[in-house]
C-alpha atoms as a PDB file:
ATOM      1  CA  MET A   1     -77.049-222.622  21.899  1.00  0.00           C
ATOM      2  CA  ARG A   2     -80.526-224.128  21.323  1.00  0.00           C
ATOM      3  CA  ILE A   3     -83.110-221.425  21.835  1.00  0.00           C
ATOM      4  CA  LEU A   4     -86.913-221.376  21.834  1.00  0.00           C
ATOM      5  CA  VAL A   5     -88.612-218.013  21.315  1.00  0.00           C
ATOM      6  CA  THR A   6     -92.231-217.829  22.399  1.00  0.00           C
ATOM      7  CA  GLY A   7     -94.089-215.252  20.361  1.00  0.00           C
ATOM      8  CA  GLY A   8     -91.236-215.551  17.894  1.00  0.00           C
ATOM      9  CA  ALA A   9     -93.363-214.793  14.837  1.00  0.00           C
ATOM     10  CA  GLY A  10     -94.277-211.384  16.258  1.00  0.00           C
ATOM     11  CA  PHE A  11     -92.755-207.955  15.758  1.00  0.00           C
ATOM     12  CA  ILE A  12     -90.002-208.144  18.419  1.00  0.00           C
ATOM     13  CA  GLY A  13     -89.714-211.928  18.404  1.00  0.00           C
ATOM     14  CA  SER A  14     -88.904-212.217  14.743  1.00  0.00           C
ATOM     15  CA  HIS A  15     -86.089-209.683  15.056  1.00  0.00           C
ATOM     16  CA  LEU A  16     -84.762-211.632  18.015  1.00  0.00           C
ATOM     17  CA  THR A  17     -84.765-214.904  16.068  1.00  0.00           C
ATOM     18  CA  ASP A  18     -82.803-213.176  13.283  1.00  0.00           C
ATOM     19  CA  ALA A  19     -80.257-211.902  15.791  1.00  0.00           C
ATOM     20  CA  PHE A  20     -79.697-215.328  17.333  1.00  0.00           C
ATOM     21  CA  LEU A  21     -79.438-216.949  13.906  1.00  0.00           C
ATOM     22  CA  ALA A  22     -76.917-214.367  12.762  1.00  0.00           C
ATOM     23  CA  ARG A  23     -74.516-215.427  15.464  1.00  0.00           C
ATOM     24  CA  GLY A  24     -74.951-219.151  14.802  1.00  0.00           C
ATOM     25  CA  ASP A  25     -77.498-220.251  17.358  1.00  0.00           C
ATOM     26  CA  GLU A  26     -80.143-222.931  16.676  1.00  0.00           C
ATOM     27  CA  VAL A  27     -83.578-221.272  16.986  1.00  0.00           C
ATOM     28  CA  ALA A  28     -87.122-222.591  17.171  1.00  0.00           C
ATOM     29  CA  VAL A  29     -90.320-220.562  17.594  1.00  0.00           C
ATOM     30  CA  LEU A  30     -93.584-221.199  19.392  1.00  0.00           C
ATOM     31  CA  ASP A  31     -96.398-218.898  18.382  1.00  0.00           C
ATOM     32  CA  ASP A  32    -100.209-219.242  18.332  1.00  0.00           C
ATOM     33  CA  LEU A  33    -100.251-216.876  15.303  1.00  0.00           C
ATOM     34  CA  SER A  34    -102.997-214.728  16.783  1.00  0.00           C
ATOM     35  CA  SER A  35    -100.918-211.728  15.740  1.00  0.00           C
ATOM     36  CA  GLY A  36     -97.626-213.304  14.603  1.00  0.00           C
ATOM     37  CA  ARG A  37     -96.892-214.272  11.013  1.00  0.00           C
ATOM     38  CA  LEU A  38     -94.752-217.164   9.809  1.00  0.00           C
ATOM     39  CA  THR A  39     -93.625-215.076   6.833  1.00  0.00           C
ATOM     40  CA  ARG A  40     -91.602-212.935   9.237  1.00  0.00           C
ATOM     41  CA  LEU A  41     -89.367-215.888   9.987  1.00  0.00           C
ATOM     42  CA  ASP A  42     -86.136-217.049   8.378  1.00  0.00           C
ATOM     43  CA  PRO A  43     -86.692-220.387   6.615  1.00  0.00           C
ATOM     44  CA  ARG A  44     -84.143-221.981   8.905  1.00  0.00           C
ATOM     45  CA  VAL A  45     -86.349-221.450  11.948  1.00  0.00           C
ATOM     46  CA  ALA A  46     -88.474-224.397  13.080  1.00  0.00           C
ATOM     47  CA  ALA A  47     -91.923-222.974  13.836  1.00  0.00           C
ATOM     48  CA  HIS A  48     -94.495-224.631  16.139  1.00  0.00           C
ATOM     49  CA  ARG A  49     -98.043-223.360  16.300  1.00  0.00           C
ATOM     50  CA  ALA A  50     -99.150-223.524  19.938  1.00  0.00           C
ATOM     51  CA  SER A  51    -100.185-221.253  22.766  1.00  0.00           C
ATOM     52  CA  VAL A  52     -98.343-220.749  26.049  1.00  0.00           C
ATOM     53  CA  ALA A  53    -101.799-220.879  27.651  1.00  0.00           C
ATOM     54  CA  ASP A  54    -101.983-224.560  26.656  1.00  0.00           C
ATOM     55  CA  PRO A  55     -99.575-226.373  29.012  1.00  0.00           C
ATOM     56  CA  GLY A  56     -99.733-229.691  27.237  1.00  0.00           C
ATOM     57  CA  ALA A  57     -98.974-228.300  23.781  1.00  0.00           C
ATOM     58  CA  LEU A  58     -96.225-226.095  25.259  1.00  0.00           C
ATOM     59  CA  ALA A  59     -94.608-228.987  27.083  1.00  0.00           C
ATOM     60  CA  ALA A  60     -94.652-231.123  23.949  1.00  0.00           C
ATOM     61  CA  VAL A  61     -92.850-228.413  21.942  1.00  0.00           C
ATOM     62  CA  VAL A  62     -90.251-227.874  24.672  1.00  0.00           C
ATOM     63  CA  ALA A  63     -89.639-231.629  24.909  1.00  0.00           C
ATOM     64  CA  ARG A  64     -89.101-231.756  21.116  1.00  0.00           C
ATOM     65  CA  VAL A  65     -86.865-228.693  20.879  1.00  0.00           C
ATOM     66  CA  ARG A  66     -84.874-229.338  24.104  1.00  0.00           C
ATOM     67  CA  PRO A  67     -83.904-225.685  24.466  1.00  0.00           C
ATOM     68  CA  GLN A  68     -81.154-224.431  26.721  1.00  0.00           C
ATOM     69  CA  LEU A  69     -82.746-220.989  26.712  1.00  0.00           C
ATOM     70  CA  ILE A  70     -86.353-219.861  26.382  1.00  0.00           C
ATOM     71  CA  CYS A  71     -86.997-216.227  25.439  1.00  0.00           C
ATOM     72  CA  HIS A  72     -90.568-215.669  26.528  1.00  0.00           C
ATOM     73  CA  LEU A  73     -92.144-212.932  24.433  1.00  0.00           C
ATOM     74  CA  ALA A  74     -95.613-214.429  23.849  1.00  0.00           C
ATOM     75  CA  ALA A  75     -98.130-212.085  25.440  1.00  0.00           C
ATOM     76  CA  GLN A  76    -101.385-210.191  25.270  1.00  0.00           C
ATOM     77  CA  ILE A  77     -99.998-206.691  24.708  1.00  0.00           C
ATOM     78  CA  ASP A  78    -103.072-204.487  24.210  1.00  0.00           C
ATOM     79  CA  VAL A  79    -103.616-202.315  27.289  1.00  0.00           C
ATOM     80  CA  ARG A  80    -107.207-201.519  26.290  1.00  0.00           C
ATOM     81  CA  ALA A  81    -107.978-205.204  25.766  1.00  0.00           C
ATOM     82  CA  SER A  82    -106.640-205.957  29.260  1.00  0.00           C
ATOM     83  CA  VAL A  83    -109.082-203.424  30.718  1.00  0.00           C
ATOM     84  CA  ALA A  84    -111.957-204.965  28.799  1.00  0.00           C
ATOM     85  CA  ASP A  85    -110.972-208.543  29.667  1.00  0.00           C
ATOM     86  CA  PRO A  86    -108.592-208.709  32.637  1.00  0.00           C
ATOM     87  CA  ALA A  87    -109.161-212.433  33.072  1.00  0.00           C
ATOM     88  CA  GLY A  88    -108.214-213.176  29.513  1.00  0.00           C
ATOM     89  CA  ASP A  89    -105.156-210.946  29.835  1.00  0.00           C
ATOM     90  CA  ALA A  90    -104.073-212.806  32.992  1.00  0.00           C
ATOM     91  CA  GLN A  91    -104.655-216.161  31.313  1.00  0.00           C
ATOM     92  CA  THR A  92    -102.016-215.364  28.720  1.00  0.00           C
ATOM     93  CA  ASN A  93     -99.632-213.134  30.663  1.00  0.00           C
ATOM     94  CA  VAL A  94     -99.705-214.775  34.088  1.00  0.00           C
ATOM     95  CA  ILE A  95    -100.784-218.416  33.566  1.00  0.00           C
ATOM     96  CA  GLY A  96     -98.891-218.578  30.274  1.00  0.00           C
ATOM     97  CA  THR A  97     -95.714-217.480  32.015  1.00  0.00           C
ATOM     98  CA  ILE A  98     -96.236-220.034  34.773  1.00  0.00           C
ATOM     99  CA  ASN A  99     -96.630-222.713  32.094  1.00  0.00           C
ATOM    100  CA  VAL A 100     -93.349-221.565  30.453  1.00  0.00           C
ATOM    101  CA  LEU A 101     -91.545-221.709  33.808  1.00  0.00           C
ATOM    102  CA  GLU A 102     -92.776-225.236  34.476  1.00  0.00           C
ATOM    103  CA  ALA A 103     -91.793-226.419  30.981  1.00  0.00           C
ATOM    104  CA  ALA A 104     -88.403-224.793  31.440  1.00  0.00           C
ATOM    105  CA  ARG A 105     -87.929-226.491  34.812  1.00  0.00           C
ATOM    106  CA  VAL A 106     -88.566-229.917  33.293  1.00  0.00           C
ATOM    107  CA  ALA A 107     -86.207-229.170  30.380  1.00  0.00           C
ATOM    108  CA  GLY A 108     -83.502-227.543  32.515  1.00  0.00           C
ATOM    109  CA  ALA A 109     -83.729-224.353  30.440  1.00  0.00           C
ATOM    110  CA  ARG A 110     -83.135-220.767  31.489  1.00  0.00           C
ATOM    111  CA  VAL A 111     -85.864-218.163  30.791  1.00  0.00           C
ATOM    112  CA  LEU A 112     -85.542-214.546  29.669  1.00  0.00           C
ATOM    113  CA  PHE A 113     -88.855-212.813  30.151  1.00  0.00           C
ATOM    114  CA  ALA A 114     -90.007-209.742  28.140  1.00  0.00           C
ATOM    115  CA  SER A 115     -91.796-207.537  30.675  1.00  0.00           C
ATOM    116  CA  THR A 116     -92.881-203.914  30.423  1.00  0.00           C
ATOM    117  CA  GLY A 117     -91.156-200.790  31.634  1.00  0.00           C
ATOM    118  CA  GLY A 118     -93.600-198.278  30.200  1.00  0.00           C
ATOM    119  CA  ALA A 119     -96.714-199.788  31.807  1.00  0.00           C
ATOM    120  CA  LEU A 120     -95.194-200.832  35.125  1.00  0.00           C
ATOM    121  CA  TYR A 121     -93.901-197.896  37.163  1.00  0.00           C
ATOM    122  CA  GLY A 122     -97.041-195.729  37.309  1.00  0.00           C
ATOM    123  CA  LYS A 123     -97.979-192.068  37.187  1.00  0.00           C
ATOM    124  CA  ASP A 124     -96.073-190.981  40.322  1.00  0.00           C
ATOM    125  CA  ALA A 125     -92.765-192.666  39.398  1.00  0.00           C
ATOM    126  CA  VAL A 126     -89.520-190.742  39.494  1.00  0.00           C
ATOM    127  CA  ILE A 127     -88.338-190.052  35.920  1.00  0.00           C
ATOM    128  CA  PRO A 128     -86.258-191.753  34.687  1.00  0.00           C
ATOM    129  CA  SER A 129     -87.474-194.806  36.620  1.00  0.00           C
ATOM    130  CA  ASP A 130     -84.991-197.351  37.882  1.00  0.00           C
ATOM    131  CA  GLU A 131     -85.653-200.996  38.628  1.00  0.00           C
ATOM    132  CA  ASP A 132     -86.044-200.345  42.373  1.00  0.00           C
ATOM    133  CA  GLN A 133     -88.952-197.964  41.748  1.00  0.00           C
ATOM    134  CA  ARG A 134     -92.106-199.410  43.306  1.00  0.00           C
ATOM    135  CA  PRO A 135     -94.352-200.704  40.508  1.00  0.00           C
ATOM    136  CA  GLU A 136     -97.810-199.109  40.472  1.00  0.00           C
ATOM    137  CA  PRO A 137     -99.320-200.172  37.117  1.00  0.00           C
ATOM    138  CA  GLU A 138    -102.399-198.328  35.893  1.00  0.00           C
ATOM    139  CA  ALA A 139    -103.951-201.229  33.911  1.00  0.00           C
ATOM    140  CA  PRO A 140    -104.425-205.029  34.140  1.00  0.00           C
ATOM    141  CA  TYR A 141    -101.711-205.510  31.491  1.00  0.00           C
ATOM    142  CA  GLY A 142     -98.965-203.955  33.649  1.00  0.00           C
ATOM    143  CA  THR A 143    -100.344-205.754  36.723  1.00  0.00           C
ATOM    144  CA  ALA A 144    -100.217-209.136  34.970  1.00  0.00           C
ATOM    145  CA  LYS A 145     -96.652-208.488  33.771  1.00  0.00           C
ATOM    146  CA  TYR A 146     -95.551-207.621  37.272  1.00  0.00           C
ATOM    147  CA  CYS A 147     -97.304-210.739  38.637  1.00  0.00           C
ATOM    148  CA  ALA A 148     -95.412-212.830  36.081  1.00  0.00           C
ATOM    149  CA  GLU A 149     -92.179-211.236  37.243  1.00  0.00           C
ATOM    150  CA  GLN A 150     -92.991-212.388  40.783  1.00  0.00           C
ATOM    151  CA  TYR A 151     -93.336-215.995  39.611  1.00  0.00           C
ATOM    152  CA  ILE A 152     -89.962-215.723  37.876  1.00  0.00           C
ATOM    153  CA  GLY A 153     -88.397-214.516  41.110  1.00  0.00           C
ATOM    154  CA  LEU A 154     -90.138-217.309  43.008  1.00  0.00           C
ATOM    155  CA  SER A 155     -88.740-219.883  40.596  1.00  0.00           C
ATOM    156  CA  ASN A 156     -85.250-218.553  41.147  1.00  0.00           C
ATOM    157  CA  ARG A 157     -85.654-218.803  44.934  1.00  0.00           C
ATOM    158  CA  LEU A 158     -87.406-222.165  44.869  1.00  0.00           C
ATOM    159  CA  HIS A 159     -85.384-223.997  42.224  1.00  0.00           C
ATOM    160  CA  GLY A 160     -82.101-222.092  42.121  1.00  0.00           C
ATOM    161  CA  THR A 161     -82.653-220.995  38.512  1.00  0.00           C
ATOM    162  CA  THR A 162     -81.186-217.857  36.924  1.00  0.00           C
ATOM    163  CA  HIS A 163     -84.206-216.637  34.997  1.00  0.00           C
ATOM    164  CA  SER A 164     -84.152-212.932  34.155  1.00  0.00           C
ATOM    165  CA  VAL A 165     -86.540-210.081  33.368  1.00  0.00           C
ATOM    166  CA  LEU A 166     -86.130-207.427  30.662  1.00  0.00           C
ATOM    167  CA  ARG A 167     -88.475-204.477  31.151  1.00  0.00           C
ATOM    168  CA  LEU A 168     -88.905-202.956  27.729  1.00  0.00           C
ATOM    169  CA  GLY A 169     -89.644-199.349  26.877  1.00  0.00           C
ATOM    170  CA  ASN A 170     -91.806-198.402  23.890  1.00  0.00           C
ATOM    171  CA  VAL A 171     -90.315-200.599  21.200  1.00  0.00           C
ATOM    172  CA  TYR A 172     -90.596-199.509  17.574  1.00  0.00           C
ATOM    173  CA  GLY A 173     -89.182-200.411  14.184  1.00  0.00           C
ATOM    174  CA  PRO A 174     -89.859-202.438  11.002  1.00  0.00           C
ATOM    175  CA  ARG A 175     -92.447-205.205  11.195  1.00  0.00           C
ATOM    176  CA  GLN A 176     -94.424-203.411  13.875  1.00  0.00           C
ATOM    177  CA  ASP A 177     -98.157-203.801  13.658  1.00  0.00           C
ATOM    178  CA  PRO A 178     -99.315-200.179  13.455  1.00  0.00           C
ATOM    179  CA  ALA A 179    -102.177-200.481  15.978  1.00  0.00           C
ATOM    180  CA  GLY A 180    -102.496-198.834  19.346  1.00  0.00           C
ATOM    181  CA  GLU A 181    -100.208-196.578  21.293  1.00  0.00           C
ATOM    182  CA  ALA A 182     -97.203-198.889  21.007  1.00  0.00           C
ATOM    183  CA  GLY A 183     -97.310-198.530  17.208  1.00  0.00           C
ATOM    184  CA  VAL A 184     -97.260-194.729  17.147  1.00  0.00           C
ATOM    185  CA  VAL A 185     -93.963-194.455  15.200  1.00  0.00           C
ATOM    186  CA  ALA A 186     -95.198-196.797  12.449  1.00  0.00           C
ATOM    187  CA  ILE A 187     -98.593-195.073  12.388  1.00  0.00           C
ATOM    188  CA  PHE A 188     -97.083-191.624  12.079  1.00  0.00           C
ATOM    189  CA  CYS A 189     -94.655-192.821   9.391  1.00  0.00           C
ATOM    190  CA  GLY A 190     -97.583-194.225   7.430  1.00  0.00           C
ATOM    191  CA  LYS A 191     -99.448-190.963   7.739  1.00  0.00           C
ATOM    192  CA  ALA A 192     -96.413-189.042   6.625  1.00  0.00           C
ATOM    193  CA  MET A 193     -96.003-191.214   3.528  1.00  0.00           C
ATOM    194  CA  ARG A 194     -99.649-190.738   2.547  1.00  0.00           C
ATOM    195  CA  GLU A 195     -99.463-187.014   3.463  1.00  0.00           C
ATOM    196  CA  GLU A 196    -102.250-187.411   6.021  1.00  0.00           C
ATOM    197  CA  ARG A 197    -102.546-185.707   9.387  1.00  0.00           C
ATOM    198  CA  PRO A 198    -101.855-187.978  12.349  1.00  0.00           C
ATOM    199  CA  VAL A 199    -104.062-187.741  15.468  1.00  0.00           C
ATOM    200  CA  ILE A 200    -102.447-186.880  18.787  1.00  0.00           C
ATOM    201  CA  TYR A 201    -104.633-187.741  21.800  1.00  0.00           C
ATOM    202  CA  GLY A 202    -104.279-184.994  24.384  1.00  0.00           C
ATOM    203  CA  ASP A 203    -101.920-182.056  24.100  1.00  0.00           C
ATOM    204  CA  GLY A 204     -98.941-184.085  22.865  1.00  0.00           C
ATOM    205  CA  THR A 205     -96.678-183.349  25.833  1.00  0.00           C
ATOM    206  CA  GLN A 206     -97.012-186.874  27.186  1.00  0.00           C
ATOM    207  CA  THR A 207     -93.667-188.710  27.016  1.00  0.00           C
ATOM    208  CA  ARG A 208     -92.346-192.178  26.340  1.00  0.00           C
ATOM    209  CA  ASP A 209     -88.946-193.908  26.125  1.00  0.00           C
ATOM    210  CA  TYR A 210     -88.739-195.088  22.455  1.00  0.00           C
ATOM    211  CA  VAL A 211     -86.217-197.887  21.941  1.00  0.00           C
ATOM    212  CA  TYR A 212     -85.421-199.386  18.553  1.00  0.00           C
ATOM    213  CA  VAL A 213     -86.227-203.072  18.049  1.00  0.00           C
ATOM    214  CA  GLY A 214     -82.681-203.905  16.891  1.00  0.00           C
ATOM    215  CA  ASP A 215     -81.338-202.605  20.175  1.00  0.00           C
ATOM    216  CA  VAL A 216     -83.881-204.672  22.121  1.00  0.00           C
ATOM    217  CA  ALA A 217     -82.595-207.788  20.286  1.00  0.00           C
ATOM    218  CA  THR A 218     -78.974-207.032  21.292  1.00  0.00           C
ATOM    219  CA  ALA A 219     -80.136-206.609  24.896  1.00  0.00           C
ATOM    220  CA  PHE A 220     -81.583-210.114  24.812  1.00  0.00           C
ATOM    221  CA  LEU A 221     -78.327-211.426  23.357  1.00  0.00           C
ATOM    222  CA  ALA A 222     -76.389-209.755  26.169  1.00  0.00           C
ATOM    223  CA  ALA A 223     -78.742-211.251  28.795  1.00  0.00           C
ATOM    224  CA  ALA A 224     -78.436-214.679  27.125  1.00  0.00           C
ATOM    225  CA  ASP A 225     -74.674-214.544  27.438  1.00  0.00           C
ATOM    226  CA  SER A 226     -74.830-213.629  31.142  1.00  0.00           C
ATOM    227  CA  SER A 227     -75.122-216.209  33.876  1.00  0.00           C
ATOM    228  CA  ILE A 228     -76.732-213.883  36.426  1.00  0.00           C
ATOM    229  CA  ALA A 229     -80.396-213.560  37.337  1.00  0.00           C
ATOM    230  CA  GLY A 230     -81.375-209.935  36.839  1.00  0.00           C
ATOM    231  CA  VAL A 231     -84.146-207.406  36.304  1.00  0.00           C
ATOM    232  CA  TRP A 232     -83.137-204.817  33.728  1.00  0.00           C
ATOM    233  CA  ASN A 233     -84.733-201.806  32.090  1.00  0.00           C
ATOM    234  CA  ILE A 234     -84.255-201.814  28.308  1.00  0.00           C
ATOM    235  CA  GLY A 235     -84.645-198.313  26.929  1.00  0.00           C
ATOM    236  CA  THR A 236     -82.725-195.207  26.045  1.00  0.00           C
ATOM    237  CA  GLY A 237     -83.141-193.223  29.244  1.00  0.00           C
ATOM    238  CA  VAL A 238     -84.486-190.377  27.076  1.00  0.00           C
ATOM    239  CA  GLU A 239     -87.945-188.910  27.597  1.00  0.00           C
ATOM    240  CA  THR A 240     -89.532-187.967  24.246  1.00  0.00           C
ATOM    241  CA  SER A 241     -92.875-186.213  23.850  1.00  0.00           C
ATOM    242  CA  ILE A 242     -95.348-187.106  21.118  1.00  0.00           C
ATOM    243  CA  LEU A 243     -94.905-183.570  19.690  1.00  0.00           C
ATOM    244  CA  THR A 244     -91.149-184.066  19.539  1.00  0.00           C
ATOM    245  CA  LEU A 245     -91.617-187.453  17.886  1.00  0.00           C
ATOM    246  CA  ALA A 246     -93.849-185.835  15.235  1.00  0.00           C
ATOM    247  CA  ASP A 247     -91.178-183.230  14.591  1.00  0.00           C
ATOM    248  CA  VAL A 248     -88.473-185.865  14.220  1.00  0.00           C
ATOM    249  CA  ILE A 249     -90.608-187.853  11.766  1.00  0.00           C
ATOM    250  CA  GLY A 250     -91.222-184.686   9.744  1.00  0.00           C
ATOM    251  CA  GLN A 251     -87.511-183.893   9.637  1.00  0.00           C
ATOM    252  CA  VAL A 252     -86.512-187.423   8.694  1.00  0.00           C
ATOM    253  CA  THR A 253     -89.158-187.940   6.031  1.00  0.00           C
ATOM    254  CA  GLY A 254     -89.139-184.418   4.612  1.00  0.00           C
ATOM    255  CA  ARG A 255     -92.876-184.296   5.029  1.00  0.00           C
ATOM    256  CA  SER A 256     -94.819-181.633   6.851  1.00  0.00           C
ATOM    257  CA  ILE A 257     -96.454-183.152   9.933  1.00  0.00           C
ATOM    258  CA  GLU A 258     -99.476-181.165  11.050  1.00  0.00           C
ATOM    259  CA  PRO A 259    -101.265-183.276  13.645  1.00  0.00           C
ATOM    260  CA  GLU A 260    -104.899-183.152  14.616  1.00  0.00           C
ATOM    261  CA  PHE A 261    -105.677-183.270  18.306  1.00  0.00           C
ATOM    262  CA  GLY A 262    -108.223-185.552  19.952  1.00  0.00           C
ATOM    263  CA  PRO A 263    -109.380-185.988  23.541  1.00  0.00           C
ATOM    264  CA  ALA A 264    -106.848-187.472  25.934  1.00  0.00           C
ATOM    265  CA  ARG A 265    -107.279-191.182  26.562  1.00  0.00           C
ATOM    266  CA  PRO A 266    -108.560-191.923  30.089  1.00  0.00           C
ATOM    267  CA  GLY A 267    -105.849-193.221  32.364  1.00  0.00           C
ATOM    268  CA  GLU A 268    -103.011-192.598  29.913  1.00  0.00           C
ATOM    269  CA  LEU A 269     -99.615-192.254  31.597  1.00  0.00           C
ATOM    270  CA  ARG A 270     -98.294-188.710  31.295  1.00  0.00           C
ATOM    271  CA  ARG A 271     -94.565-189.395  31.535  1.00  0.00           C
ATOM    272  CA  SER A 272     -92.300-192.420  31.089  1.00  0.00           C
ATOM    273  CA  ALA A 273     -88.546-192.945  30.716  1.00  0.00           C
ATOM    274  CA  LEU A 274     -86.342-195.757  31.960  1.00  0.00           C
ATOM    275  CA  ASP A 275     -83.117-195.529  33.935  1.00  0.00           C
ATOM    276  CA  VAL A 276     -80.683-197.848  32.141  1.00  0.00           C
ATOM    277  CA  ALA A 277     -77.678-197.627  34.405  1.00  0.00           C
ATOM    278  CA  ARG A 278     -78.094-201.124  35.812  1.00  0.00           C
ATOM    279  CA  VAL A 279     -78.108-202.916  32.463  1.00  0.00           C
ATOM    280  CA  ALA A 280     -75.099-200.868  31.332  1.00  0.00           C
ATOM    281  CA  GLY A 281     -73.171-201.836  34.458  1.00  0.00           C
ATOM    282  CA  GLN A 282     -74.147-205.507  34.631  1.00  0.00           C
ATOM    283  CA  LEU A 283     -74.432-206.461  30.982  1.00  0.00           C
ATOM    284  CA  GLY A 284     -72.502-203.718  29.236  1.00  0.00           C
ATOM    285  CA  TRP A 285     -75.530-202.961  27.061  1.00  0.00           C
ATOM    286  CA  LYS A 286     -76.589-199.565  25.782  1.00  0.00           C
ATOM    287  CA  ALA A 287     -79.044-198.573  23.066  1.00  0.00           C
ATOM    288  CA  ALA A 288     -77.043-197.721  19.946  1.00  0.00           C
ATOM    289  CA  THR A 289     -79.762-196.365  17.613  1.00  0.00           C
ATOM    290  CA  SER A 290     -80.788-192.718  17.773  1.00  0.00           C
ATOM    291  CA  LEU A 291     -84.454-191.800  17.392  1.00  0.00           C
ATOM    292  CA  SER A 292     -83.828-190.212  13.996  1.00  0.00           C
ATOM    293  CA  GLU A 293     -81.957-193.304  12.758  1.00  0.00           C
ATOM    294  CA  GLY A 294     -84.687-195.607  13.995  1.00  0.00           C
ATOM    295  CA  VAL A 295     -87.423-193.471  12.467  1.00  0.00           C
ATOM    296  CA  ALA A 296     -85.572-193.433   9.138  1.00  0.00           C
ATOM    297  CA  SER A 297     -85.402-197.227   9.173  1.00  0.00           C
ATOM    298  CA  THR A 298     -89.071-197.526  10.074  1.00  0.00           C
ATOM    299  CA  PHE A 299     -90.160-195.034   7.406  1.00  0.00           C
ATOM    300  CA  ALA A 300     -88.104-196.888   4.752  1.00  0.00           C
ATOM    301  CA  TRP A 301     -89.920-200.090   5.752  1.00  0.00           C
ATOM    302  CA  VAL A 302     -93.359-198.440   5.551  1.00  0.00           C
ATOM    303  CA  ARG A 303     -92.413-196.845   2.206  1.00  0.00           C
ATOM    304  CA  ASP A 304     -91.423-200.268   0.837  1.00  0.00           C
ATOM    305  CA  GLY A 305     -94.879-201.641   1.679  1.00  0.00           C
ATOM    306  CA  GLY A 306     -94.205-203.144   5.103  1.00  0.00           C
ATOM    307  CA  PRO A 307     -92.576-206.406   3.997  1.00  0.00           C
ATOM    308  CA  ASP A 308     -92.403-209.209   6.567  1.00  0.00           C
ATOM    309  CA  ARG A 309     -88.753-209.736   5.621  1.00  0.00           C
END
């Protein structure tokens, strides 16, 4: 299969390109390199520097690659940045997705869209949250992702396509940029290695669904091999508190983790976990990496200096 991965030089995208290459697919990457790095990519990957927010440049790359599948991971992912600049967030996450859908329509390609599970369902959601839970995002980032999902559904109704949505939990693992809430595993592993005290914002009882990046890659492969249009949560179904995460990191690394506590971040979601029954039933996918195994892999990567490959 010929595959184009937008945002493919990023943390998740580079793992996904590796997974497709490993099974013999032909992979190209489109990335504006605002946060992605070409050194994360296998030399066999054809890389094109362009933004999904630039419809002309995007269309030119798609015409050159002629993909059968586009995995759309390019995004503005910083929740705090979305609050500071909601229009800029929407330009990338909404208009960029519309541009991808139009380029895919012209090329006759199917789209798999990386959405969010953690920032979508809201503070009053039933835990674990299934895909039928009414989205009530707390920030422009989640709102933009949900809006993009609506355009994907519209494309399926309007053009008879089978584009699909993967709502990701809190993804972690090697190559993760240790900045912001989404990078808490890498941040805490770095603190453990340097024997520094990590900062927990709030009381540490807030929960997330931490899913290992290698498992996310296999979820995309399963969706790529399916012919159905779906919306699937990609997580573990397990609710893990920040305090529990710190304990696991301490056990895995053999380092004493004694966190400092700072004020809770305004608007931070208290609880989040994803119901993964639908993806198990429809795609036969289930996360295979335990939190301790994933933390061990991440810590080994941090200990080795955080190599891109």
